[in-house]
C-alpha atoms as a PDB file:
ATOM      1  CA  MET A   1      -7.889   7.931  18.271  1.00  0.00           C
ATOM      2  CA  SER A   2      -5.810   5.416  16.367  1.00  0.00           C
ATOM      3  CA  ILE A   3      -6.812   4.828  12.769  1.00  0.00           C
ATOM      4  CA  ARG A   4      -6.264   1.238  11.638  1.00  0.00           C
ATOM      5  CA  PHE A   5      -7.410  -0.864   8.718  1.00  0.00           C
ATOM      6  CA  LYS A   6      -6.302  -4.151  10.290  1.00  0.00           C
ATOM      7  CA  THR A   7      -6.345  -5.370  13.892  1.00  0.00           C
ATOM      8  CA  SER A   8      -3.323  -6.902  15.592  1.00  0.00           C
ATOM      9  CA  LYS A   9      -4.962 -10.294  14.952  1.00  0.00           C
ATOM     10  CA  GLY A  10      -5.035  -9.595  11.204  1.00  0.00           C
ATOM     11  CA  GLU A  11      -8.769  -8.968  10.957  1.00  0.00           C
ATOM     12  CA  ALA A  12     -10.225  -6.011   9.095  1.00  0.00           C
ATOM     13  CA  THR A  13     -11.521  -3.105  11.145  1.00  0.00           C
ATOM     14  CA  ALA A  14     -14.670  -1.245  10.063  1.00  0.00           C
ATOM     15  CA  LEU A  15     -12.458   1.037   7.966  1.00  0.00           C
ATOM     16  CA  GLY A  16     -10.634  -1.987   6.596  1.00  0.00           C
ATOM     17  CA  ARG A  17     -13.873  -3.672   5.559  1.00  0.00           C
ATOM     18  CA  VAL A  18     -14.971  -0.559   3.663  1.00  0.00           C
ATOM     19  CA  LEU A  19     -11.563  -0.304   1.988  1.00  0.00           C
ATOM     20  CA  VAL A  20     -11.491  -3.972   0.956  1.00  0.00           C
ATOM     21  CA  THR A  21     -15.081  -3.867  -0.315  1.00  0.00           C
ATOM     22  CA  TRP A  22     -14.236  -0.790  -2.369  1.00  0.00           C
ATOM     23  CA  TRP A  23     -11.037  -2.418  -3.686  1.00  0.00           C
ATOM     24  CA  GLU A  24     -12.921  -5.588  -4.657  1.00  0.00           C
ATOM     25  CA  GLY A  25     -15.457  -3.397  -6.469  1.00  0.00           C
ATOM     26  CA  LEU A  26     -12.705  -1.994  -8.687  1.00  0.00           C
ATOM     27  CA  GLU A  27     -12.849  -5.273 -10.604  1.00  0.00           C
ATOM     28  CA  GLU A  28     -16.242  -4.173 -11.938  1.00  0.00           C
ATOM     29  CA  ASP A  29     -15.628  -0.397 -11.764  1.00  0.00           C
ATOM     30  CA  ARG A  30     -12.908  -0.368 -14.368  1.00  0.00           C
ATOM     31  CA  ALA A  31     -13.373   3.344 -15.092  1.00  0.00           C
ATOM     32  CA  SER A  32     -12.494   4.288 -11.502  1.00  0.00           C
ATOM     33  CA  ARG A  33      -9.516   1.940 -11.540  1.00  0.00           C
ATOM     34  CA  ALA A  34      -8.278   3.492 -14.786  1.00  0.00           C
ATOM     35  CA  ILE A  35      -8.678   7.026 -13.458  1.00  0.00           C
ATOM     36  CA  LEU A  36      -6.767   6.234 -10.264  1.00  0.00           C
ATOM     37  CA  ARG A  37      -4.007   4.299 -12.027  1.00  0.00           C
ATOM     38  CA  ARG A  38      -3.186   7.292 -14.211  1.00  0.00           C
ATOM     39  CA  LEU A  39      -2.640   9.626 -11.259  1.00  0.00           C
ATOM     40  CA  SER A  40       1.010  10.088 -10.368  1.00  0.00           C
ATOM     41  CA  SER A  41       0.718  11.497  -6.846  1.00  0.00           C
ATOM     42  CA  PRO A  42      -1.490  11.358  -3.766  1.00  0.00           C
ATOM     43  CA  MET A  43      -2.390  15.006  -4.335  1.00  0.00           C
ATOM     44  CA  LEU A  44      -3.824  14.203  -7.759  1.00  0.00           C
ATOM     45  CA  VAL A  45      -5.711  11.235  -6.282  1.00  0.00           C
ATOM     46  CA  THR A  46      -7.313  13.651  -3.799  1.00  0.00           C
ATOM     47  CA  PHE A  47      -8.851  15.595  -6.683  1.00  0.00           C
ATOM     48  CA  SER A  48     -10.463  12.512  -8.277  1.00  0.00           C
ATOM     49  CA  ALA A  49     -14.126  11.544  -8.044  1.00  0.00           C
ATOM     50  CA  PRO A  50     -13.382   7.866  -7.225  1.00  0.00           C
ATOM     51  CA  TYR A  51     -11.314   8.909  -4.207  1.00  0.00           C
ATOM     52  CA  GLN A  52     -13.870  11.437  -2.999  1.00  0.00           C
ATOM     53  CA  ARG A  53     -16.682   8.853  -3.186  1.00  0.00           C
ATOM     54  CA  LEU A  54     -14.616   6.383  -1.141  1.00  0.00           C
ATOM     55  CA  TYR A  55     -13.624   9.130   1.291  1.00  0.00           C
ATOM     56  CA  GLN A  56     -17.308   9.761   2.070  1.00  0.00           C
ATOM     57  CA  ARG A  57     -17.842   6.037   2.720  1.00  0.00           C
ATOM     58  CA  LEU A  58     -14.813   5.955   5.009  1.00  0.00           C
ATOM     59  CA  LEU A  59     -16.079   8.979   6.930  1.00  0.00           C
ATOM     60  CA  ALA A  60     -19.332   7.093   7.540  1.00  0.00           C
ATOM     61  CA  ALA A  61     -17.311   4.082   8.753  1.00  0.00           C
ATOM     62  CA  GLY A  62     -15.255   6.042  11.271  1.00  0.00           C
ATOM     63  CA  TRP A  63     -12.493   7.902   9.435  1.00  0.00           C
ATOM     64  CA  PRO A  64     -12.109  11.073  11.515  1.00  0.00           C
ATOM     65  CA  ALA A  65     -13.623  14.150   9.873  1.00  0.00           C
ATOM     66  CA  ASP A  66     -10.934  16.152  11.672  1.00  0.00           C
ATOM     67  CA  ALA A  67      -8.049  13.976  10.467  1.00  0.00           C
ATOM     68  CA  ARG A  68      -4.780  15.806  10.028  1.00  0.00           C
ATOM     69  CA  PRO A  69      -4.023  16.842   6.425  1.00  0.00           C
ATOM     70  CA  GLN A  70      -1.067  14.428   6.466  1.00  0.00           C
ATOM     71  CA  GLN A  71      -3.425  11.522   7.268  1.00  0.00           C
ATOM     72  CA  ASN A  72      -5.783  12.480   4.447  1.00  0.00           C
ATOM     73  CA  ASP A  73      -2.839  12.782   2.051  1.00  0.00           C
ATOM     74  CA  ARG A  74      -1.694   9.314   3.041  1.00  0.00           C
ATOM     75  CA  LEU A  75      -5.222   7.972   2.598  1.00  0.00           C
ATOM     76  CA  ALA A  76      -5.204   9.350  -0.939  1.00  0.00           C
ATOM     77  CA  GLY A  77      -1.874   7.592  -1.514  1.00  0.00           C
ATOM     78  CA  ILE A  78      -3.331   4.318  -0.245  1.00  0.00           C
ATOM     79  CA  VAL A  79      -6.280   4.599  -2.619  1.00  0.00           C
ATOM     80  CA  GLY A  80      -4.006   5.384  -5.566  1.00  0.00           C
ATOM     81  CA  LEU A  81      -1.750   2.425  -4.796  1.00  0.00           C
ATOM     82  CA  LEU A  82      -4.619  -0.005  -4.314  1.00  0.00           C
ATOM     83  CA  ALA A  83      -5.813   0.741  -7.840  1.00  0.00           C
ATOM     84  CA  HIS A  84      -2.631  -1.064  -8.956  1.00  0.00           C
ATOM     85  CA  VAL A  85      -3.198  -4.162  -6.804  1.00  0.00           C
ATOM     86  CA  LYS A  86      -4.792  -7.131  -8.559  1.00  0.00           C
ATOM     87  CA  LYS A  87      -4.652  -9.777  -5.821  1.00  0.00           C
ATOM     88  CA  ASN A  88      -4.962  -9.434  -2.056  1.00  0.00           C
ATOM     89  CA  GLU A  89      -2.074 -11.649  -0.976  1.00  0.00           C
ATOM     90  CA  GLN A  90      -2.064 -11.967   2.822  1.00  0.00           C
ATOM     91  CA  GLY A  91       1.241 -11.433   4.586  1.00  0.00           C
ATOM     92  CA  SER A  92       3.862  -8.845   5.319  1.00  0.00           C
ATOM     93  CA  ILE A  93       4.872  -6.343   2.675  1.00  0.00           C
ATOM     94  CA  ALA A  94       8.595  -7.012   3.115  1.00  0.00           C
ATOM     95  CA  ASP A  95       8.038 -10.757   2.770  1.00  0.00           C
ATOM     96  CA  ALA A  96       6.102 -10.227  -0.461  1.00  0.00           C
ATOM     97  CA  MET A  97       8.902  -8.058  -1.817  1.00  0.00           C
ATOM     98  CA  SER A  98      11.606 -10.579  -1.002  1.00  0.00           C
ATOM     99  CA  ARG A  99       9.912 -13.943  -1.584  1.00  0.00           C
ATOM    100  CA  PRO A 100      11.161 -15.395  -4.900  1.00  0.00           C
ATOM    101  CA  ALA A 101       8.534 -16.538  -7.351  1.00  0.00           C
ATOM    102  CA  GLU A 102       7.956 -20.267  -7.491  1.00  0.00           C
ATOM    103  CA  GLY A 103      10.894 -21.866  -9.263  1.00  0.00           C
ATOM    104  CA  GLY A 104      12.937 -18.668  -9.004  1.00  0.00           C
ATOM    105  CA  ASP A 105      15.831 -17.750  -6.797  1.00  0.00           C
ATOM    106  CA  ARG A 106      15.728 -13.951  -6.960  1.00  0.00           C
ATOM    107  CA  PRO A 107      13.438 -11.699  -4.961  1.00  0.00           C
ATOM    108  CA  PRO A 108      10.954  -9.655  -7.013  1.00  0.00           C
ATOM    109  CA  VAL A 109      12.273  -6.471  -5.377  1.00  0.00           C
ATOM    110  CA  SER A 110      16.049  -6.336  -5.333  1.00  0.00           C
ATOM    111  CA  GLU A 111      17.963  -5.415  -2.217  1.00  0.00           C
ATOM    112  CA  LEU A 112      18.977  -2.077  -3.767  1.00  0.00           C
ATOM    113  CA  ARG A 113      15.417  -1.159  -4.764  1.00  0.00           C
ATOM    114  CA  PHE A 114      14.164  -2.203  -1.333  1.00  0.00           C
ATOM    115  CA  LEU A 115      16.752   0.035   0.332  1.00  0.00           C
ATOM    116  CA  ARG A 116      15.642   2.932  -1.879  1.00  0.00           C
ATOM    117  CA  LEU A 117      12.071   2.423  -0.661  1.00  0.00           C
ATOM    118  CA  LEU A 118      13.232   2.508   2.942  1.00  0.00           C
ATOM    119  CA  ASP A 119      15.146   5.681   2.172  1.00  0.00           C
ATOM    120  CA  ALA A 120      12.210   7.473   0.520  1.00  0.00           C
ATOM    121  CA  PRO A 121      12.535  11.098   1.693  1.00  0.00           C
ATOM    122  CA  ASP A 122       8.792  11.737   1.722  1.00  0.00           C
ATOM    123  CA  ILE A 123       5.409  10.143   1.091  1.00  0.00           C
ATOM    124  CA  GLU A 124       5.431  11.234  -2.576  1.00  0.00           C
ATOM    125  CA  ALA A 125       8.689   9.355  -3.186  1.00  0.00           C
ATOM    126  CA  LEU A 126       7.372   6.299  -1.341  1.00  0.00           C
ATOM    127  CA  TYR A 127       4.187   6.409  -3.456  1.00  0.00           C
ATOM    128  CA  THR A 128       6.231   6.533  -6.666  1.00  0.00           C
ATOM    129  CA  GLY A 129       8.528   3.748  -5.496  1.00  0.00           C
ATOM    130  CA  LEU A 130       5.650   1.463  -4.521  1.00  0.00           C
ATOM    131  CA  ARG A 131       3.887   2.115  -7.836  1.00  0.00           C
ATOM    132  CA  ARG A 132       7.070   0.919  -9.534  1.00  0.00           C
ATOM    133  CA  VAL A 133       7.556  -2.235  -7.438  1.00  0.00           C
ATOM    134  CA  LEU A 134       3.961  -3.488  -7.568  1.00  0.00           C
ATOM    135  CA  PRO A 135       4.386  -4.806 -11.145  1.00  0.00           C
ATOM    136  CA  LEU A 136       7.546  -6.634 -10.021  1.00  0.00           C
ATOM    137  CA  MET A 137       5.394  -8.363  -7.407  1.00  0.00           C
ATOM    138  CA  SER A 138       2.753  -9.302  -9.998  1.00  0.00           C
ATOM    139  CA  HIS A 139       0.475  -6.666  -8.424  1.00  0.00           C
ATOM    140  CA  GLN A 140      -0.035  -8.946  -5.393  1.00  0.00           C
ATOM    141  CA  ILE A 141       0.144  -7.532  -1.877  1.00  0.00           C
ATOM    142  CA  ASP A 142      -1.805  -7.538   1.381  1.00  0.00           C
ATOM    143  CA  VAL A 143      -4.283  -4.696   0.868  1.00  0.00           C
ATOM    144  CA  LEU A 144      -4.771  -3.902   4.545  1.00  0.00           C
ATOM    145  CA  ALA A 145      -1.094  -4.248   5.454  1.00  0.00           C
ATOM    146  CA  LEU A 146      -0.237  -1.833   2.647  1.00  0.00           C
ATOM    147  CA  ALA A 147      -2.877   0.587   3.917  1.00  0.00           C
ATOM    148  CA  ASP A 148      -1.658   0.512   7.517  1.00  0.00           C
ATOM    149  CA  ASP A 149       2.034   0.659   6.574  1.00  0.00           C
ATOM    150  CA  PHE A 150       1.534   3.588   4.194  1.00  0.00           C
ATOM    151  CA  LEU A 151      -0.617   5.447   6.714  1.00  0.00           C
ATOM    152  CA  TYR A 152       1.963   5.023   9.482  1.00  0.00           C
ATOM    153  CA  TRP A 153       5.112   5.206   7.343  1.00  0.00           C
ATOM    154  CA  GLY A 154       8.025   6.151   9.560  1.00  0.00           C
ATOM    155  CA  ASP A 155      10.896   4.599  11.461  1.00  0.00           C
ATOM    156  CA  ALA A 156       8.806   1.866  13.124  1.00  0.00           C
ATOM    157  CA  VAL A 157       7.373   0.630   9.798  1.00  0.00           C
ATOM    158  CA  LYS A 158      10.767   0.897   8.108  1.00  0.00           C
ATOM    159  CA  LYS A 159      12.328  -1.258  10.843  1.00  0.00           C
ATOM    160  CA  CYS A 160       9.528  -3.780  10.557  1.00  0.00           C
ATOM    161  CA  TRP A 161      10.108  -3.989   6.797  1.00  0.00           C
ATOM    162  CA  ALA A 162      13.886  -4.287   7.271  1.00  0.00           C
ATOM    163  CA  TYR A 163      13.455  -7.214   9.677  1.00  0.00           C
ATOM    164  CA  GLY A 164      10.820  -8.831   7.442  1.00  0.00           C
ATOM    165  CA  TYR A 165      12.807  -8.690   4.206  1.00  0.00           C
ATOM    166  CA  HIS A 166      14.646 -11.902   3.314  1.00  0.00           C
ATOM    167  CA  TRP A 167      18.065 -10.461   2.625  1.00  0.00           C
ATOM    168  CA  PRO A 168      19.916 -12.431  -0.066  1.00  0.00           C
ATOM    169  CA  GLU A 169      23.040 -14.262   1.005  1.00  0.00           C
ATOM    170  CA  LYS A 170      26.240 -12.751  -0.313  1.00  0.00           C
ATOM    171  CA  THR A 171      28.517 -15.214  -2.054  1.00  0.00           C
ATOM    172  CA  ALA A 172      32.245 -15.185  -1.368  1.00  0.00           C
ATOM    173  CA  ALA A 173      34.297 -13.737  -4.197  1.00  0.00           C
END
């Protein structure tokens, strides 16, 4: 069974709807947001009450009870990262990282930082890197795209990001 938060047409799946509803509720549930934002790793997120409450809701919506530990770890990472997102900005993650702010000419995430994300040796390093770039992006990212990309992080997602990033033109010296 394939776990997805977003369909190929960009619509939320049942899991995606639960995740977005929970994320929207963080605006009012500031205590849960604060708890999750302080946690520095997916493992620590796993031990938190806000994550465990959401996990039960996701199980009811179709998250597999027999999910591999790696999938549950990645789900915890998704939840921890979403606590840092302030606006659900539709679109690809790579585009959001490379699209200059209005009136600007530099991408929010530099080419070097982007390459470091692509080179993250494990999910913990990716989690840390994304926590660091979200403020550069004004905490705006597509919630469901982030969830799917983090859940399925690997060569296919990395390639998708590499093709979606707007690489800056090099000027002749």
